[in-house]
């Protein structure tokens, strides 16, 4: 199982869902599928119809940017992070 950290902006769409969840799978795609089994609809917020990770979402496994094919070792920490933009130059 991986420990998945979700952003507040995503959790806010699913009342009652904690920011940290355990999810199983040997790849990011499988971990997201397990998350979707626990929180129906969350996959569509992370992955598009491609299927690829949505452009405004970044997924990191053990601190490294990941794709859907990235391996996930048991006990890995997975972060789902929305892109941030704006500010002043």
PDB file of N, CA and C in Angstrom:
ATOM      1  N   UNK A   1       0.840  -1.183   0.000  1.00  0.00           N
ATOM      2  CA  UNK A   1       0.000   0.000   0.000  1.00  0.00           C
ATOM      3  C   UNK A   1       0.883   1.243   0.000  1.00  0.00           C
ATOM      4  N   UNK A   2       0.415   2.257  -0.697  1.00  0.00           N
ATOM      5  CA  UNK A   2       1.089   3.552  -0.715  1.00  0.00           C
ATOM      6  C   UNK A   2       0.304   4.521   0.157  1.00  0.00           C
ATOM      7  N   UNK A   3       1.004   5.494   0.690  1.00  0.00           N
ATOM      8  CA  UNK A   3       0.354   6.575   1.430  1.00  0.00           C
ATOM      9  C   UNK A   3       0.170   7.722   0.451  1.00  0.00           C
ATOM     10  N   UNK A   4      -1.083   8.076   0.176  1.00  0.00           N
ATOM     11  CA  UNK A   4      -1.387   9.099  -0.819  1.00  0.00           C
ATOM     12  C   UNK A   4      -1.810  10.380  -0.110  1.00  0.00           C
ATOM     13  N   UNK A   5      -1.149  11.479  -0.458  1.00  0.00           N
ATOM     14  CA  UNK A   5      -1.456  12.795   0.091  1.00  0.00           C
ATOM     15  C   UNK A   5      -2.213  13.584  -0.976  1.00  0.00           C
ATOM     16  N   UNK A   6      -3.400  14.054  -0.622  1.00  0.00           N
ATOM     17  CA  UNK A   6      -4.247  14.793  -1.552  1.00  0.00           C
ATOM     18  C   UNK A   6      -4.291  16.268  -1.165  1.00  0.00           C
ATOM     19  N   UNK A   7      -4.417  17.165  -2.152  1.00  0.00           N
ATOM     20  CA  UNK A   7      -4.493  18.594  -1.846  1.00  0.00           C
ATOM     21  C   UNK A   7      -5.871  18.971  -1.303  1.00  0.00           C
ATOM     22  N   UNK A   8      -5.907  20.026  -0.503  1.00  0.00           N
ATOM     23  CA  UNK A   8      -7.186  20.509   0.038  1.00  0.00           C
ATOM     24  C   UNK A   8      -8.180  20.812  -1.075  1.00  0.00           C
ATOM     25  N   UNK A   9      -7.692  21.393  -2.167  1.00  0.00           N
ATOM     26  CA  UNK A   9      -8.587  21.763  -3.264  1.00  0.00           C
ATOM     27  C   UNK A   9      -9.304  20.551  -3.849  1.00  0.00           C
ATOM     28  N   UNK A  10      -8.671  19.406  -3.848  1.00  0.00           N
ATOM     29  CA  UNK A  10      -9.295  18.181  -4.356  1.00  0.00           C
ATOM     30  C   UNK A  10     -10.193  17.547  -3.300  1.00  0.00           C
ATOM     31  N   UNK A  11      -9.720  17.495  -2.075  1.00  0.00           N
ATOM     32  CA  UNK A  11     -10.493  16.891  -0.985  1.00  0.00           C
ATOM     33  C   UNK A  11     -11.795  17.662  -0.758  1.00  0.00           C
ATOM     34  N   UNK A  12     -11.774  18.969  -0.983  1.00  0.00           N
ATOM     35  CA  UNK A  12     -12.973  19.792  -0.788  1.00  0.00           C
ATOM     36  C   UNK A  12     -14.131  19.349  -1.679  1.00  0.00           C
ATOM     37  N   UNK A  13     -13.820  18.701  -2.792  1.00  0.00           N
ATOM     38  CA  UNK A  13     -14.862  18.226  -3.713  1.00  0.00           C
ATOM     39  C   UNK A  13     -15.509  16.926  -3.246  1.00  0.00           C
ATOM     40  N   UNK A  14     -14.914  16.298  -2.233  1.00  0.00           N
ATOM     41  CA  UNK A  14     -15.384  15.006  -1.731  1.00  0.00           C
ATOM     42  C   UNK A  14     -15.507  15.084  -0.209  1.00  0.00           C
ATOM     43  N   UNK A  15     -16.616  15.646   0.292  1.00  0.00           N
ATOM     44  CA  UNK A  15     -16.777  15.844   1.736  1.00  0.00           C
ATOM     45  C   UNK A  15     -16.531  14.559   2.537  1.00  0.00           C
ATOM     46  N   UNK A  16     -15.792  14.725   3.624  1.00  0.00           N
ATOM     47  CA  UNK A  16     -15.517  13.601   4.507  1.00  0.00           C
ATOM     48  C   UNK A  16     -14.278  12.804   4.159  1.00  0.00           C
ATOM     49  N   UNK A  17     -13.672  13.076   3.020  1.00  0.00           N
ATOM     50  CA  UNK A  17     -12.476  12.341   2.602  1.00  0.00           C
ATOM     51  C   UNK A  17     -11.254  12.970   3.269  1.00  0.00           C
ATOM     52  N   UNK A  18     -10.406  12.164   3.902  1.00  0.00           N
ATOM     53  CA  UNK A  18      -9.201  12.716   4.537  1.00  0.00           C
ATOM     54  C   UNK A  18      -8.155  13.106   3.497  1.00  0.00           C
ATOM     55  N   UNK A  19      -7.210  13.925   3.900  1.00  0.00           N
ATOM     56  CA  UNK A  19      -6.143  14.349   2.986  1.00  0.00           C
ATOM     57  C   UNK A  19      -5.116  13.257   2.761  1.00  0.00           C
ATOM     58  N   UNK A  20      -5.058  12.264   3.645  1.00  0.00           N
ATOM     59  CA  UNK A  20      -4.134  11.133   3.484  1.00  0.00           C
ATOM     60  C   UNK A  20      -4.934   9.844   3.442  1.00  0.00           C
ATOM     61  N   UNK A  21      -4.648   9.036   2.431  1.00  0.00           N
ATOM     62  CA  UNK A  21      -5.319   7.746   2.262  1.00  0.00           C
ATOM     63  C   UNK A  21      -4.277   6.680   1.951  1.00  0.00           C
ATOM     64  N   UNK A  22      -4.616   5.442   2.228  1.00  0.00           N
ATOM     65  CA  UNK A  22      -3.808   4.300   1.807  1.00  0.00           C
ATOM     66  C   UNK A  22      -4.428   3.763   0.520  1.00  0.00           C
ATOM     67  N   UNK A  23      -3.598   3.460  -0.460  1.00  0.00           N
ATOM     68  CA  UNK A  23      -4.099   2.900  -1.712  1.00  0.00           C
ATOM     69  C   UNK A  23      -3.099   1.877  -2.232  1.00  0.00           C
ATOM     70  N   UNK A  24      -3.618   0.816  -2.830  1.00  0.00           N
ATOM     71  CA  UNK A  24      -2.782  -0.248  -3.353  1.00  0.00           C
ATOM     72  C   UNK A  24      -2.560  -0.120  -4.842  1.00  0.00           C
ATOM     73  N   UNK A  25      -1.491  -0.732  -5.308  1.00  0.00           N
ATOM     74  CA  UNK A  25      -1.193  -0.755  -6.731  1.00  0.00           C
ATOM     75  C   UNK A  25       0.301  -0.736  -6.955  1.00  0.00           C
ATOM     76  N   UNK A  26       0.717  -1.279  -8.084  1.00  0.00           N
ATOM     77  CA  UNK A  26       2.149  -1.323  -8.389  1.00  0.00           C
ATOM     78  C   UNK A  26       2.576  -0.208  -9.336  1.00  0.00           C
ATOM     79  N   UNK A  27       1.608   0.569  -9.846  1.00  0.00           N
ATOM     80  CA  UNK A  27       1.897   1.740 -10.675  1.00  0.00           C
ATOM     81  C   UNK A  27       1.005   2.884 -10.207  1.00  0.00           C
ATOM     82  N   UNK A  28       1.325   4.093 -10.649  1.00  0.00           N
ATOM     83  CA  UNK A  28       0.487   5.245 -10.312  1.00  0.00           C
ATOM     84  C   UNK A  28      -0.936   5.020 -10.819  1.00  0.00           C
ATOM     85  N   UNK A  29      -1.094   4.473 -12.021  1.00  0.00           N
ATOM     86  CA  UNK A  29      -2.432   4.219 -12.565  1.00  0.00           C
ATOM     87  C   UNK A  29      -3.231   3.292 -11.651  1.00  0.00           C
ATOM     88  N   UNK A  30      -2.592   2.248 -11.142  1.00  0.00           N
ATOM     89  CA  UNK A  30      -3.284   1.307 -10.251  1.00  0.00           C
ATOM     90  C   UNK A  30      -3.611   1.949  -8.906  1.00  0.00           C
ATOM     91  N   UNK A  31      -2.721   2.785  -8.401  1.00  0.00           N
ATOM     92  CA  UNK A  31      -2.991   3.489  -7.143  1.00  0.00           C
ATOM     93  C   UNK A  31      -4.189   4.420  -7.325  1.00  0.00           C
ATOM     94  N   UNK A  32      -4.236   5.143  -8.440  1.00  0.00           N
ATOM     95  CA  UNK A  32      -5.363   6.042  -8.701  1.00  0.00           C
ATOM     96  C   UNK A  32      -6.653   5.246  -8.868  1.00  0.00           C
ATOM     97  N   UNK A  33      -6.595   4.084  -9.506  1.00  0.00           N
ATOM     98  CA  UNK A  33      -7.785   3.234  -9.641  1.00  0.00           C
ATOM     99  C   UNK A  33      -8.283   2.789  -8.270  1.00  0.00           C
ATOM    100  N   UNK A  34      -7.360   2.434  -7.366  1.00  0.00           N
ATOM    101  CA  UNK A  34      -7.760   2.045  -6.016  1.00  0.00           C
ATOM    102  C   UNK A  34      -8.347   3.234  -5.266  1.00  0.00           C
ATOM    103  N   UNK A  35      -7.761   4.415  -5.439  1.00  0.00           N
ATOM    104  CA  UNK A  35      -8.341   5.621  -4.834  1.00  0.00           C
ATOM    105  C   UNK A  35      -9.769   5.824  -5.318  1.00  0.00           C
ATOM    106  N   UNK A  36      -9.979   5.627  -6.625  1.00  0.00           N
ATOM    107  CA  UNK A  36     -11.312   5.822  -7.199  1.00  0.00           C
ATOM    108  C   UNK A  36     -12.313   4.806  -6.660  1.00  0.00           C
ATOM    109  N   UNK A  37     -11.849   3.616  -6.317  1.00  0.00           N
ATOM    110  CA  UNK A  37     -12.738   2.621  -5.698  1.00  0.00           C
ATOM    111  C   UNK A  37     -13.155   3.082  -4.302  1.00  0.00           C
ATOM    112  N   UNK A  38     -12.258   3.797  -3.617  1.00  0.00           N
ATOM    113  CA  UNK A  38     -12.549   4.307  -2.279  1.00  0.00           C
ATOM    114  C   UNK A  38     -13.324   5.623  -2.316  1.00  0.00           C
ATOM    115  N   UNK A  39     -13.013   6.450  -3.308  1.00  0.00           N
ATOM    116  CA  UNK A  39     -13.614   7.779  -3.449  1.00  0.00           C
ATOM    117  C   UNK A  39     -14.096   7.905  -4.896  1.00  0.00           C
ATOM    118  N   UNK A  40     -15.296   7.401  -5.190  1.00  0.00           N
ATOM    119  CA  UNK A  40     -15.781   7.423  -6.573  1.00  0.00           C
ATOM    120  C   UNK A  40     -15.751   8.829  -7.182  1.00  0.00           C
ATOM    121  N   UNK A  41     -15.163   8.903  -8.372  1.00  0.00           N
ATOM    122  CA  UNK A  41     -15.085  10.164  -9.093  1.00  0.00           C
ATOM    123  C   UNK A  41     -13.750  10.878  -8.973  1.00  0.00           C
ATOM    124  N   UNK A  42     -12.911  10.464  -8.039  1.00  0.00           N
ATOM    125  CA  UNK A  42     -11.643  11.178  -7.841  1.00  0.00           C
ATOM    126  C   UNK A  42     -10.693  10.979  -9.024  1.00  0.00           C
ATOM    127  N   UNK A  43     -10.763   9.824  -9.662  1.00  0.00           N
ATOM    128  CA  UNK A  43      -9.886   9.562 -10.818  1.00  0.00           C
ATOM    129  C   UNK A  43     -10.087  10.613 -11.901  1.00  0.00           C
ATOM    130  N   UNK A  44     -11.347  10.970 -12.167  1.00  0.00           N
ATOM    131  CA  UNK A  44     -11.642  11.942 -13.223  1.00  0.00           C
ATOM    132  C   UNK A  44     -11.098  13.330 -12.908  1.00  0.00           C
ATOM    133  N   UNK A  45     -10.797  13.601 -11.660  1.00  0.00           N
ATOM    134  CA  UNK A  45     -10.213  14.889 -11.266  1.00  0.00           C
ATOM    135  C   UNK A  45      -8.693  14.883 -11.422  1.00  0.00           C
ATOM    136  N   UNK A  46      -8.107  13.690 -11.537  1.00  0.00           N
ATOM    137  CA  UNK A  46      -6.646  13.559 -11.625  1.00  0.00           C
ATOM    138  C   UNK A  46      -6.200  13.179 -13.038  1.00  0.00           C
ATOM    139  N   UNK A  47      -7.000  12.365 -13.720  1.00  0.00           N
ATOM    140  CA  UNK A  47      -6.630  11.793 -15.020  1.00  0.00           C
ATOM    141  C   UNK A  47      -7.677  12.178 -16.060  1.00  0.00           C
ATOM    142  N   UNK A  48      -7.224  12.512 -17.283  1.00  0.00           N
ATOM    143  CA  UNK A  48      -8.178  12.806 -18.349  1.00  0.00           C
ATOM    144  C   UNK A  48      -8.475  11.551 -19.167  1.00  0.00           C
ATOM    145  N   UNK A  49      -9.220  11.714 -20.250  1.00  0.00           N
ATOM    146  CA  UNK A  49      -9.661  10.568 -21.049  1.00  0.00           C
ATOM    147  C   UNK A  49      -8.527   9.923 -21.838  1.00  0.00           C
ATOM    148  N   UNK A  50      -7.364  10.545 -21.892  1.00  0.00           N
ATOM    149  CA  UNK A  50      -6.221  10.068 -22.679  1.00  0.00           C
ATOM    150  C   UNK A  50      -5.878   8.600 -22.564  1.00  0.00           C
ATOM    151  N   UNK A  51      -5.685   7.988 -21.466  1.00  0.00           N
ATOM    152  CA  UNK A  51      -5.613   8.617 -20.150  1.00  0.00           C
ATOM    153  C   UNK A  51      -4.201   9.108 -19.837  1.00  0.00           C
ATOM    154  N   UNK A  52      -4.123  10.345 -19.397  1.00  0.00           N
ATOM    155  CA  UNK A  52      -2.884  10.918 -18.874  1.00  0.00           C
ATOM    156  C   UNK A  52      -3.239  11.790 -17.679  1.00  0.00           C
ATOM    157  N   UNK A  53      -2.261  12.048 -16.845  1.00  0.00           N
ATOM    158  CA  UNK A  53      -2.486  12.939 -15.711  1.00  0.00           C
ATOM    159  C   UNK A  53      -2.819  14.321 -16.270  1.00  0.00           C
ATOM    160  N   UNK A  54      -3.854  14.933 -15.730  1.00  0.00           N
ATOM    161  CA  UNK A  54      -4.298  16.241 -16.220  1.00  0.00           C
ATOM    162  C   UNK A  54      -3.158  17.257 -16.159  1.00  0.00           C
ATOM    163  N   UNK A  55      -3.139  18.204 -17.113  1.00  0.00           N
ATOM    164  CA  UNK A  55      -2.032  19.164 -17.185  1.00  0.00           C
ATOM    165  C   UNK A  55      -1.861  20.019 -15.928  1.00  0.00           C
ATOM    166  N   UNK A  56      -2.936  20.271 -15.212  1.00  0.00           N
ATOM    167  CA  UNK A  56      -2.850  21.128 -14.021  1.00  0.00           C
ATOM    168  C   UNK A  56      -2.597  20.331 -12.738  1.00  0.00           C
ATOM    169  N   UNK A  57      -2.330  19.036 -12.876  1.00  0.00           N
ATOM    170  CA  UNK A  57      -2.058  18.166 -11.728  1.00  0.00           C
ATOM    171  C   UNK A  57      -0.658  17.573 -11.881  1.00  0.00           C
ATOM    172  N   UNK A  58       0.066  17.515 -10.790  1.00  0.00           N
ATOM    173  CA  UNK A  58       1.360  16.833 -10.753  1.00  0.00           C
ATOM    174  C   UNK A  58       1.274  15.715  -9.730  1.00  0.00           C
ATOM    175  N   UNK A  59       1.847  14.580 -10.065  1.00  0.00           N
ATOM    176  CA  UNK A  59       1.906  13.448  -9.140  1.00  0.00           C
ATOM    177  C   UNK A  59       3.381  13.148  -8.900  1.00  0.00           C
ATOM    178  N   UNK A  60       3.731  12.996  -7.629  1.00  0.00           N
ATOM    179  CA  UNK A  60       5.097  12.676  -7.245  1.00  0.00           C
ATOM    180  C   UNK A  60       5.102  11.377  -6.456  1.00  0.00           C
ATOM    181  N   UNK A  61       6.043  10.504  -6.772  1.00  0.00           N
ATOM    182  CA  UNK A  61       6.239   9.253  -6.034  1.00  0.00           C
ATOM    183  C   UNK A  61       7.637   9.317  -5.437  1.00  0.00           C
ATOM    184  N   UNK A  62       7.700   9.221  -4.127  1.00  0.00           N
ATOM    185  CA  UNK A  62       8.988   9.293  -3.421  1.00  0.00           C
ATOM    186  C   UNK A  62       9.781  10.528  -3.839  1.00  0.00           C
ATOM    187  N   UNK A  63       9.073  11.646  -4.019  1.00  0.00           N
ATOM    188  CA  UNK A  63       9.727  12.909  -4.339  1.00  0.00           C
ATOM    189  C   UNK A  63      10.063  13.130  -5.797  1.00  0.00           C
ATOM    190  N   UNK A  64       9.748  12.172  -6.671  1.00  0.00           N
ATOM    191  CA  UNK A  64      10.049  12.288  -8.097  1.00  0.00           C
ATOM    192  C   UNK A  64       8.757  12.428  -8.895  1.00  0.00           C
ATOM    193  N   UNK A  65       8.757  13.352  -9.861  1.00  0.00           N
ATOM    194  CA  UNK A  65       7.573  13.528 -10.700  1.00  0.00           C
ATOM    195  C   UNK A  65       7.267  12.220 -11.420  1.00  0.00           C
ATOM    196  N   UNK A  66       5.981  11.888 -11.483  1.00  0.00           N
ATOM    197  CA  UNK A  66       5.573  10.577 -11.986  1.00  0.00           C
ATOM    198  C   UNK A  66       4.558  10.694 -13.115  1.00  0.00           C
ATOM    199  N   UNK A  67       4.462   9.614 -13.889  1.00  0.00           N
ATOM    200  CA  UNK A  67       3.409   9.441 -14.895  1.00  0.00           C
ATOM    201  C   UNK A  67       2.546   8.273 -14.435  1.00  0.00           C
ATOM    202  N   UNK A  68       1.536   7.948 -15.205  1.00  0.00           N
ATOM    203  CA  UNK A  68       0.663   6.824 -14.839  1.00  0.00           C
ATOM    204  C   UNK A  68       1.418   5.499 -14.815  1.00  0.00           C
ATOM    205  N   UNK A  69       2.491   5.395 -15.594  1.00  0.00           N
ATOM    206  CA  UNK A  69       3.252   4.147 -15.678  1.00  0.00           C
ATOM    207  C   UNK A  69       4.328   4.018 -14.600  1.00  0.00           C
ATOM    208  N   UNK A  70       4.542   5.053 -13.825  1.00  0.00           N
ATOM    209  CA  UNK A  70       5.599   5.034 -12.810  1.00  0.00           C
ATOM    210  C   UNK A  70       5.331   3.947 -11.778  1.00  0.00           C
ATOM    211  N   UNK A  71       6.330   3.113 -11.481  1.00  0.00           N
ATOM    212  CA  UNK A  71       6.157   2.084 -10.447  1.00  0.00           C
ATOM    213  C   UNK A  71       5.972   2.709  -9.062  1.00  0.00           C
ATOM    214  N   UNK A  72       5.179   2.034  -8.244  1.00  0.00           N
ATOM    215  CA  UNK A  72       4.940   2.456  -6.860  1.00  0.00           C
ATOM    216  C   UNK A  72       5.290   1.278  -5.961  1.00  0.00           C
ATOM    217  N   UNK A  73       6.319   1.454  -5.160  1.00  0.00           N
ATOM    218  CA  UNK A  73       6.749   0.408  -4.234  1.00  0.00           C
ATOM    219  C   UNK A  73       5.849   0.401  -3.001  1.00  0.00           C
ATOM    220  N   UNK A  74       5.677  -0.747  -2.353  1.00  0.00           N
ATOM    221  CA  UNK A  74       4.919  -0.779  -1.098  1.00  0.00           C
ATOM    222  C   UNK A  74       5.527   0.209  -0.097  1.00  0.00           C
ATOM    223  N   UNK A  75       4.670   0.978   0.546  1.00  0.00           N
ATOM    224  CA  UNK A  75       5.122   1.958   1.525  1.00  0.00           C
ATOM    225  C   UNK A  75       5.525   3.297   0.936  1.00  0.00           C
ATOM    226  N   UNK A  76       5.447   3.423  -0.391  1.00  0.00           N
ATOM    227  CA  UNK A  76       5.820   4.688  -1.032  1.00  0.00           C
ATOM    228  C   UNK A  76       4.864   5.804  -0.624  1.00  0.00           C
ATOM    229  N   UNK A  77       5.376   7.016  -0.683  1.00  0.00           N
ATOM    230  CA  UNK A  77       4.549   8.196  -0.441  1.00  0.00           C
ATOM    231  C   UNK A  77       4.267   8.837  -1.796  1.00  0.00           C
ATOM    232  N   UNK A  78       2.976   9.032  -2.083  1.00  0.00           N
ATOM    233  CA  UNK A  78       2.526   9.613  -3.345  1.00  0.00           C
ATOM    234  C   UNK A  78       1.840  10.941  -3.032  1.00  0.00           C
ATOM    235  N   UNK A  79       2.278  12.002  -3.696  1.00  0.00           N
ATOM    236  CA  UNK A  79       1.662  13.318  -3.521  1.00  0.00           C
ATOM    237  C   UNK A  79       0.946  13.699  -4.809  1.00  0.00           C
ATOM    238  N   UNK A  80      -0.300  14.131  -4.683  1.00  0.00           N
ATOM    239  CA  UNK A  80      -1.058  14.697  -5.792  1.00  0.00           C
ATOM    240  C   UNK A  80      -1.080  16.199  -5.527  1.00  0.00           C
ATOM    241  N   UNK A  81      -0.497  16.977  -6.445  1.00  0.00           N
ATOM    242  CA  UNK A  81      -0.318  18.407  -6.217  1.00  0.00           C
ATOM    243  C   UNK A  81      -0.857  19.188  -7.413  1.00  0.00           C
ATOM    244  N   UNK A  82      -1.759  20.147  -7.156  1.00  0.00           N
ATOM    245  CA  UNK A  82      -2.238  20.978  -8.258  1.00  0.00           C
ATOM    246  C   UNK A  82      -1.167  21.990  -8.659  1.00  0.00           C
ATOM    247  N   UNK A  83      -1.162  22.347  -9.930  1.00  0.00           N
ATOM    248  CA  UNK A  83      -0.235  23.370 -10.403  1.00  0.00           C
ATOM    249  C   UNK A  83      -0.630  24.711  -9.800  1.00  0.00           C
ATOM    250  N   UNK A  84       0.363  25.542  -9.571  1.00  0.00           N
ATOM    251  CA  UNK A  84       0.135  26.868  -9.013  1.00  0.00           C
ATOM    252  C   UNK A  84       0.625  27.883 -10.035  1.00  0.00           C
ATOM    253  N   UNK A  85      -0.182  28.908 -10.254  1.00  0.00           N
ATOM    254  CA  UNK A  85       0.237  29.957 -11.179  1.00  0.00           C
ATOM    255  C   UNK A  85      -0.187  31.301 -10.620  1.00  0.00           C
ATOM    256  N   UNK A  86       0.272  32.323 -11.268  1.00  0.00           N
ATOM    257  CA  UNK A  86      -0.091  33.670 -10.849  1.00  0.00           C
ATOM    258  C   UNK A  86       1.022  34.321 -10.068  1.00  0.00           C
ATOM    259  N   UNK A  87       0.690  35.436  -9.465  1.00  0.00           N
ATOM    260  CA  UNK A  87       1.680  36.167  -8.693  1.00  0.00           C
ATOM    261  C   UNK A  87       2.250  37.319  -9.483  1.00  0.00           C
ATOM    262  N   UNK A  88       3.239  37.955  -8.899  1.00  0.00           N
ATOM    263  CA  UNK A  88       3.860  39.119  -9.520  1.00  0.00           C
ATOM    264  C   UNK A  88       5.249  38.779 -10.018  1.00  0.00           C
ATOM    265  N   UNK A  89       5.665  39.505 -11.002  1.00  0.00           N
ATOM    266  CA  UNK A  89       7.030  39.365 -11.515  1.00  0.00           C
ATOM    267  C   UNK A  89       7.904  40.407 -10.908  1.00  0.00           C
TER     268      UNK A  89
END
